[in-house]
Structure formats: structure tokens, C-alpha cells
N, C-alpha and C. Protein backbone atom coordinates (compact mmCIF):
# COMPACT_ATOMS: atom_id res chain seq x y z
N UNK A 1 97.03 48.76 -40.31
CA UNK A 1 96.91 47.34 -40.81
C UNK A 1 97.12 47.53 -42.25
N UNK A 2 96.45 48.20 -43.00
CA UNK A 2 96.45 48.08 -44.37
C UNK A 2 97.74 48.38 -44.94
N UNK A 3 98.47 49.39 -44.42
CA UNK A 3 99.70 49.70 -45.04
C UNK A 3 100.88 48.53 -44.76
N UNK A 4 100.81 47.76 -43.85
CA UNK A 4 101.52 46.69 -43.63
C UNK A 4 101.28 45.64 -44.65
N UNK A 5 99.91 45.27 -44.72
CA UNK A 5 99.64 44.27 -45.77
C UNK A 5 99.89 44.52 -47.07
N UNK A 6 99.84 46.00 -47.48
CA UNK A 6 100.46 46.30 -48.72
C UNK A 6 101.86 46.43 -48.92
N UNK A 7 102.62 46.81 -48.08
CA UNK A 7 104.08 47.11 -48.18
C UNK A 7 104.84 45.82 -48.20
N UNK A 8 104.37 44.94 -47.22
CA UNK A 8 105.03 43.52 -47.05
C UNK A 8 104.31 42.25 -47.78
N UNK A 9 103.19 42.63 -48.53
CA UNK A 9 102.66 41.66 -49.24
C UNK A 9 102.32 40.47 -48.43
N UNK A 10 101.70 40.49 -47.23
CA UNK A 10 101.43 39.63 -46.23
C UNK A 10 99.84 39.28 -46.15
N UNK A 11 99.31 38.38 -45.31
CA UNK A 11 98.07 38.28 -45.19
C UNK A 11 97.85 38.69 -43.69
N UNK A 12 96.44 39.31 -43.66
CA UNK A 12 96.02 39.74 -42.49
C UNK A 12 96.24 39.00 -41.18
N UNK A 13 96.63 37.66 -41.30
CA UNK A 13 96.80 36.95 -40.04
C UNK A 13 98.22 37.35 -39.46
N UNK A 14 99.23 37.29 -40.27
CA UNK A 14 100.54 37.67 -40.06
C UNK A 14 100.68 39.34 -40.07
N UNK A 15 99.80 39.77 -40.26
CA UNK A 15 99.94 41.35 -39.81
C UNK A 15 99.36 41.51 -38.34
N UNK A 16 98.37 40.59 -38.06
CA UNK A 16 97.71 40.52 -36.73
C UNK A 16 98.68 39.99 -35.77
N UNK A 17 99.63 39.22 -36.16
CA UNK A 17 100.68 38.66 -35.04
C UNK A 17 101.37 39.77 -34.43
N UNK A 18 102.09 40.76 -35.12
CA UNK A 18 102.53 41.90 -34.98
C UNK A 18 101.95 42.49 -33.63
N UNK A 19 100.58 42.93 -33.72
CA UNK A 19 99.99 43.65 -32.74
C UNK A 19 99.64 42.83 -31.54
N UNK A 20 99.62 41.60 -31.83
CA UNK A 20 99.33 40.54 -30.71
C UNK A 20 100.41 40.24 -29.73
N UNK A 21 101.52 40.36 -30.54
CA UNK A 21 103.02 39.97 -30.13
C UNK A 21 103.25 40.97 -29.18
N UNK A 22 102.81 42.35 -29.48
CA UNK A 22 103.47 43.53 -28.69
C UNK A 22 102.52 43.17 -27.46
N UNK A 23 101.31 42.86 -27.35
CA UNK A 23 100.50 43.09 -26.12
C UNK A 23 100.89 41.79 -25.27
N UNK A 24 101.24 40.62 -26.05
CA UNK A 24 101.55 39.49 -25.12
C UNK A 24 102.90 39.81 -24.35
N UNK A 25 103.78 40.60 -25.32
CA UNK A 25 105.15 40.67 -24.58
C UNK A 25 104.91 41.47 -23.49
N UNK A 26 103.89 42.41 -23.55
CA UNK A 26 103.50 43.54 -22.22
C UNK A 26 102.93 42.78 -20.91
N UNK A 27 102.27 41.77 -21.44
CA UNK A 27 101.76 40.97 -20.43
C UNK A 27 102.71 40.13 -19.55
N UNK A 28 103.34 39.23 -20.61
CA UNK A 28 104.38 38.43 -20.27
C UNK A 28 105.56 39.07 -19.36
N UNK A 29 105.76 40.18 -19.88
CA UNK A 29 106.79 40.99 -18.95
C UNK A 29 106.65 41.58 -17.58
N UNK A 30 105.33 41.25 -17.36
CA UNK A 30 105.00 42.21 -15.96
C UNK A 30 105.87 41.72 -14.71
N UNK A 31 105.68 40.24 -14.46
CA UNK A 31 106.72 40.05 -13.35
C UNK A 31 108.12 40.39 -13.48
N UNK A 32 108.82 40.68 -14.70
CA UNK A 32 109.98 41.32 -14.63
C UNK A 32 109.98 42.54 -14.60
N UNK A 33 109.06 43.24 -14.89
CA UNK A 33 108.92 44.74 -14.63
C UNK A 33 108.60 45.18 -13.07
N UNK A 34 108.11 44.16 -12.49
CA UNK A 34 108.00 44.42 -11.10
C UNK A 34 109.13 44.13 -10.23
N UNK A 35 109.75 43.34 -10.59
CA UNK A 35 111.07 43.08 -10.06
C UNK A 35 112.14 44.31 -10.09
N UNK A 36 112.02 44.82 -11.50
CA UNK A 36 112.59 46.00 -11.71
C UNK A 36 112.54 47.26 -11.03
N UNK A 37 111.18 47.35 -10.91
CA UNK A 37 110.58 48.31 -10.34
C UNK A 37 110.98 48.49 -8.84
N UNK A 38 111.12 47.33 -8.20
CA UNK A 38 111.36 47.10 -6.94
C UNK A 38 113.09 47.52 -6.50
N UNK A 39 113.89 46.98 -7.73
CA UNK A 39 115.18 47.60 -7.40
C UNK A 39 115.39 48.75 -7.84
N UNK A 40 115.02 49.47 -8.99
CA UNK A 40 115.33 50.61 -9.46
C UNK A 40 114.42 51.57 -9.17
N UNK A 41 114.51 52.81 -9.19
CA UNK A 41 113.24 53.77 -8.73
C UNK A 41 112.37 53.80 -9.87
N UNK A 42 111.16 53.97 -9.80
CA UNK A 42 110.08 53.84 -10.81
C UNK A 42 110.05 54.95 -11.79
N UNK A 43 110.79 56.18 -11.52
CA UNK A 43 111.00 57.23 -12.48
C UNK A 43 111.83 56.69 -13.57
N UNK A 44 113.09 56.13 -13.36
CA UNK A 44 113.95 55.51 -14.11
C UNK A 44 113.30 54.54 -15.05
N UNK A 45 112.66 53.63 -14.41
CA UNK A 45 111.71 52.72 -14.93
C UNK A 45 110.79 53.13 -16.24
N UNK A 46 110.06 54.20 -15.77
CA UNK A 46 109.15 54.78 -16.84
C UNK A 46 109.71 55.25 -18.02
N UNK A 47 110.97 56.11 -17.39
CA UNK A 47 111.78 56.50 -18.60
C UNK A 47 112.32 55.62 -19.54
N UNK A 48 112.95 54.48 -18.90
CA UNK A 48 113.30 53.36 -19.89
C UNK A 48 112.21 52.81 -20.85
N UNK A 49 111.16 52.75 -19.97
CA UNK A 49 110.11 52.15 -20.88
C UNK A 49 109.86 53.12 -21.94
N UNK A 50 109.59 54.38 -21.90
CA UNK A 50 109.27 55.28 -22.87
C UNK A 50 110.28 55.32 -24.12
N UNK A 51 111.83 55.07 -23.33
CA UNK A 51 112.72 55.31 -24.67
C UNK A 51 112.69 53.78 -25.24
N UNK A 52 112.42 52.80 -24.90
CA UNK A 52 112.31 51.54 -25.44
C UNK A 52 111.04 51.45 -26.59
N UNK A 53 109.82 52.19 -26.09
CA UNK A 53 108.68 52.23 -27.05
C UNK A 53 109.01 53.00 -28.23
N UNK A 54 109.73 54.21 -28.03
CA UNK A 54 109.97 55.08 -28.74
C UNK A 54 111.28 54.66 -29.80
N UNK A 55 112.24 53.91 -29.58
CA UNK A 55 113.22 53.33 -30.25
C UNK A 55 112.59 52.17 -31.08
N UNK A 56 111.73 51.54 -30.53
CA UNK A 56 111.06 50.34 -31.34
C UNK A 56 110.15 51.03 -32.65
N UNK A 57 109.47 52.13 -32.17
CA UNK A 57 108.65 52.52 -33.32
C UNK A 57 109.69 53.34 -34.24
N UNK A 58 110.51 53.90 -34.00
CA UNK A 58 111.56 54.47 -34.93
C UNK A 58 112.35 53.64 -35.73
N UNK A 59 112.93 52.34 -35.11
CA UNK A 59 113.38 51.51 -35.83
C UNK A 59 112.43 50.72 -36.69
N UNK A 60 111.28 50.61 -36.60
CA UNK A 60 110.39 50.06 -37.57
C UNK A 60 110.38 50.62 -38.66
N UNK A 61 110.72 52.12 -38.97
CA UNK A 61 110.97 52.60 -40.08
C UNK A 61 112.02 51.68 -41.07
N UNK A 62 112.98 51.10 -40.23
CA UNK A 62 113.95 50.39 -41.13
C UNK A 62 113.89 48.95 -41.32
N UNK A 63 112.62 48.55 -41.01
CA UNK A 63 112.37 47.01 -41.09
C UNK A 63 112.25 46.78 -42.75
N UNK A 64 112.80 45.85 -43.06
CA UNK A 64 112.12 45.51 -44.45
C UNK A 64 111.54 43.92 -44.66
N UNK A 65 110.99 43.28 -43.51
CA UNK A 65 110.41 42.10 -43.65
C UNK A 65 109.71 42.16 -42.20
N UNK A 66 108.66 40.90 -42.26
CA UNK A 66 107.71 40.97 -41.20
C UNK A 66 108.42 40.31 -39.91
N UNK A 67 109.29 39.75 -40.17
CA UNK A 67 110.15 39.03 -39.04
C UNK A 67 110.91 40.31 -38.39
N UNK A 68 111.47 41.39 -39.01
CA UNK A 68 111.92 42.47 -38.44
C UNK A 68 110.56 43.33 -37.66
N UNK A 69 109.64 43.27 -38.38
CA UNK A 69 108.42 43.96 -37.71
C UNK A 69 108.19 43.49 -36.26
N UNK A 70 108.25 41.83 -36.42
CA UNK A 70 107.95 41.08 -35.17
C UNK A 70 108.79 41.84 -33.97
N UNK A 71 109.94 42.05 -34.17
CA UNK A 71 110.73 42.62 -33.22
C UNK A 71 110.82 44.20 -32.97
N UNK A 72 110.58 44.71 -34.06
CA UNK A 72 110.76 46.31 -34.02
C UNK A 72 109.42 46.82 -33.59
N UNK A 73 108.34 46.29 -33.91
CA UNK A 73 107.07 46.72 -33.86
C UNK A 73 106.15 45.90 -32.68
N UNK A 74 106.64 44.56 -32.35
CA UNK A 74 106.08 43.79 -31.37
C UNK A 74 106.68 43.70 -30.21
N UNK A 75 107.66 43.18 -29.93
CA UNK A 75 108.65 43.04 -28.72
C UNK A 75 109.11 44.11 -27.98
N UNK A 76 109.95 44.92 -28.88
CA UNK A 76 110.50 46.24 -28.23
C UNK A 76 109.54 47.27 -27.60
N UNK A 77 108.51 47.55 -28.49
CA UNK A 77 107.61 48.48 -27.77
C UNK A 77 106.69 47.84 -26.80
N UNK A 78 106.39 46.33 -26.66
CA UNK A 78 105.76 45.60 -25.58
C UNK A 78 106.29 45.50 -24.41
N UNK A 79 107.74 45.63 -24.68
CA UNK A 79 108.66 45.59 -23.21
C UNK A 79 108.77 46.99 -22.54
N UNK A 80 108.89 47.90 -23.57
CA UNK A 80 108.31 49.41 -22.96
C UNK A 80 107.23 49.77 -22.55
N UNK A 81 106.04 49.28 -23.16
CA UNK A 81 104.70 49.38 -22.51
C UNK A 81 104.89 48.57 -21.30
N UNK A 82 105.18 47.68 -21.09
CA UNK A 82 105.06 46.57 -19.88
C UNK A 82 105.96 47.87 -18.55
N UNK A 83 107.02 48.30 -19.00
CA UNK A 83 107.74 49.17 -18.26
C UNK A 83 106.69 50.20 -17.49
N UNK A 84 106.18 50.72 -18.53
CA UNK A 84 104.97 51.94 -18.30
C UNK A 84 103.72 51.62 -17.28
N UNK A 85 103.27 50.78 -18.06
CA UNK A 85 101.79 50.30 -17.73
C UNK A 85 102.10 49.64 -16.36
N UNK A 86 102.97 48.79 -15.97
CA UNK A 86 103.11 48.04 -14.82
C UNK A 86 103.49 48.97 -13.73
N UNK A 87 103.99 49.92 -13.77
CA UNK A 87 104.80 50.82 -13.08
C UNK A 87 103.56 52.04 -12.47
N UNK A 88 102.54 52.04 -13.43
CA UNK A 88 101.44 52.95 -12.83
C UNK A 88 100.74 53.05 -11.58
N UNK A 89 100.31 51.91 -11.23
CA UNK A 89 99.77 51.50 -10.10
C UNK A 89 100.74 51.88 -8.68
N UNK A 90 101.93 51.47 -8.81
CA UNK A 90 102.85 51.45 -7.89
C UNK A 90 103.22 53.24 -7.58
N UNK A 91 103.51 53.95 -8.76
CA UNK A 91 103.36 55.38 -8.51
C UNK A 91 102.27 55.90 -7.90
N UNK A 92 100.90 55.72 -8.39
CA UNK A 92 99.91 56.19 -7.90
C UNK A 92 99.58 55.92 -6.10
N UNK A 93 99.88 54.65 -5.81
CA UNK A 93 99.96 54.30 -4.50
C UNK A 93 100.92 54.84 -3.68
N UNK A 94 102.02 55.37 -4.33
CA UNK A 94 102.94 56.18 -3.43
C UNK A 94 102.58 57.75 -3.04
N UNK A 95 101.82 58.27 -4.13
CA UNK A 95 101.29 59.46 -3.94
C UNK A 95 100.04 60.06 -3.06
N UNK A 96 99.08 58.83 -3.61
CA UNK A 96 97.53 58.99 -3.02
C UNK A 96 97.41 57.51 -1.91
N UNK A 97 96.97 58.03 -0.95
CA UNK A 97 96.58 57.04 0.30
C UNK A 97 95.15 56.93 0.42
N UNK A 98 94.38 58.12 0.36
CA UNK A 98 93.26 57.91 1.08
C UNK A 98 92.23 57.65 -0.13
N UNK A 99 92.50 58.00 -1.28
CA UNK A 99 91.77 57.64 -2.66
C UNK A 99 92.43 57.06 -3.60
N UNK A 100 93.29 56.14 -3.34
CA UNK A 100 93.85 55.19 -3.83
C UNK A 100 93.19 54.42 -4.99
N UNK A 101 92.06 53.94 -4.64
CA UNK A 101 91.38 53.01 -5.82
C UNK A 101 90.72 54.12 -6.44
N UNK A 102 90.37 55.15 -6.34
CA UNK A 102 89.63 56.28 -7.27
C UNK A 102 90.69 56.83 -8.29
N UNK A 103 92.09 56.91 -7.78
CA UNK A 103 93.14 57.45 -8.67
C UNK A 103 93.29 56.46 -9.52
N UNK A 104 93.33 55.27 -9.09
CA UNK A 104 93.90 54.15 -10.02
C UNK A 104 92.87 54.01 -11.07
N UNK A 105 91.41 54.09 -10.73
CA UNK A 105 90.43 53.87 -11.72
C UNK A 105 90.61 55.20 -12.63
N UNK A 106 90.54 56.40 -12.29
CA UNK A 106 90.61 57.57 -13.19
C UNK A 106 91.82 57.16 -14.07
N UNK A 107 93.08 56.86 -13.40
CA UNK A 107 94.15 56.67 -14.40
C UNK A 107 94.26 55.68 -15.40
N UNK A 108 93.63 54.45 -15.33
CA UNK A 108 93.35 53.46 -16.05
C UNK A 108 92.36 53.88 -16.96
N UNK A 109 91.24 54.61 -16.79
CA UNK A 109 90.48 54.97 -17.59
C UNK A 109 90.75 55.81 -18.51
N UNK A 110 91.84 56.79 -18.09
CA UNK A 110 92.39 57.83 -18.94
C UNK A 110 93.31 56.98 -19.96
N UNK A 111 94.07 55.83 -19.69
CA UNK A 111 94.73 55.33 -20.65
C UNK A 111 93.78 54.63 -21.68
N UNK A 112 92.76 53.79 -21.03
CA UNK A 112 92.03 53.42 -22.02
C UNK A 112 91.34 54.42 -23.14
N UNK A 113 90.93 55.64 -22.62
CA UNK A 113 90.09 56.79 -23.15
C UNK A 113 91.16 57.37 -24.39
N UNK A 114 92.19 57.34 -23.65
CA UNK A 114 93.47 57.65 -24.74
C UNK A 114 93.80 56.90 -26.23
N UNK A 115 93.81 55.91 -25.82
CA UNK A 115 93.70 54.40 -26.83
C UNK A 115 92.61 54.84 -27.61
N UNK A 116 91.50 54.83 -27.22
CA UNK A 116 90.10 54.90 -27.96
C UNK A 116 90.24 56.19 -28.92
N UNK A 117 90.68 57.29 -28.42
CA UNK A 117 90.87 58.30 -29.26
C UNK A 117 91.86 58.04 -30.18
N UNK A 118 93.08 57.49 -30.12
CA UNK A 118 94.00 57.49 -30.70
C UNK A 118 93.56 56.51 -31.97
N UNK A 119 92.78 55.60 -31.90
CA UNK A 119 92.50 54.32 -32.65
C UNK A 119 91.35 55.11 -33.88
N UNK A 120 90.55 56.19 -33.35
CA UNK A 120 89.75 56.67 -34.38
C UNK A 120 90.30 57.34 -35.44
């Protein structure tokens, strides 16, 4: 957050909106993601989500205003994260039938611990 505050000379509230927008987009796009997963094979959906996340992060380098950051660091990666994160339980249930609940718990705990490690 500090580099955004210094580079664009904005307050912490404006910088906080960027991360909040990414998470809100991920949650709001959930129903759309479930429709896409039902229409298209989940492998393609996960690859498209990863590509969207990468494209959003790479185009952030070219952003020259906070409104551009809202799109490149908030909306585009949020849509990609939705495609990946919502597809995860569907993928797990297609491969594990007996221990489905345990596998979903392990997968989501792994995602959370990965975010925790990256935030340190």
C-alpha cells in the first residue's frame, strides 16, 4: 500500500478501495462464474482466470492514475480470481467422492495459508 500512496499521492482510503474492489469483484462475479463453469470445461475456466489475473497485474505497470488502478488492480484480477476460486470446489468434487469435505477443507486451508505467507 505504501508505494501506491507515495506514487499517486493519494490517501489511504483511496488506496484501500483498490484492494476492496478486487475482493468485491471476486464475490460479485461468483454467480457468473458458476454459469461459465457449467457451460465450459473447468480447466479452460481456471486457465482463463489465471490469464486475467496475470494480465491485470501486468497492465498495472502502465497505470498512471488511481482510476486506472481500480480497473487494472481491482476489477480485472478480481474477475480472474473469481474464475479460479469458484471453480475449486467443483474440481475437487469431480475427483474426490469419499473424502470430498476433507479435500475441500484442505484446499481452502492451503489457499488461506498461501495468502498468509505471501502477506508476511
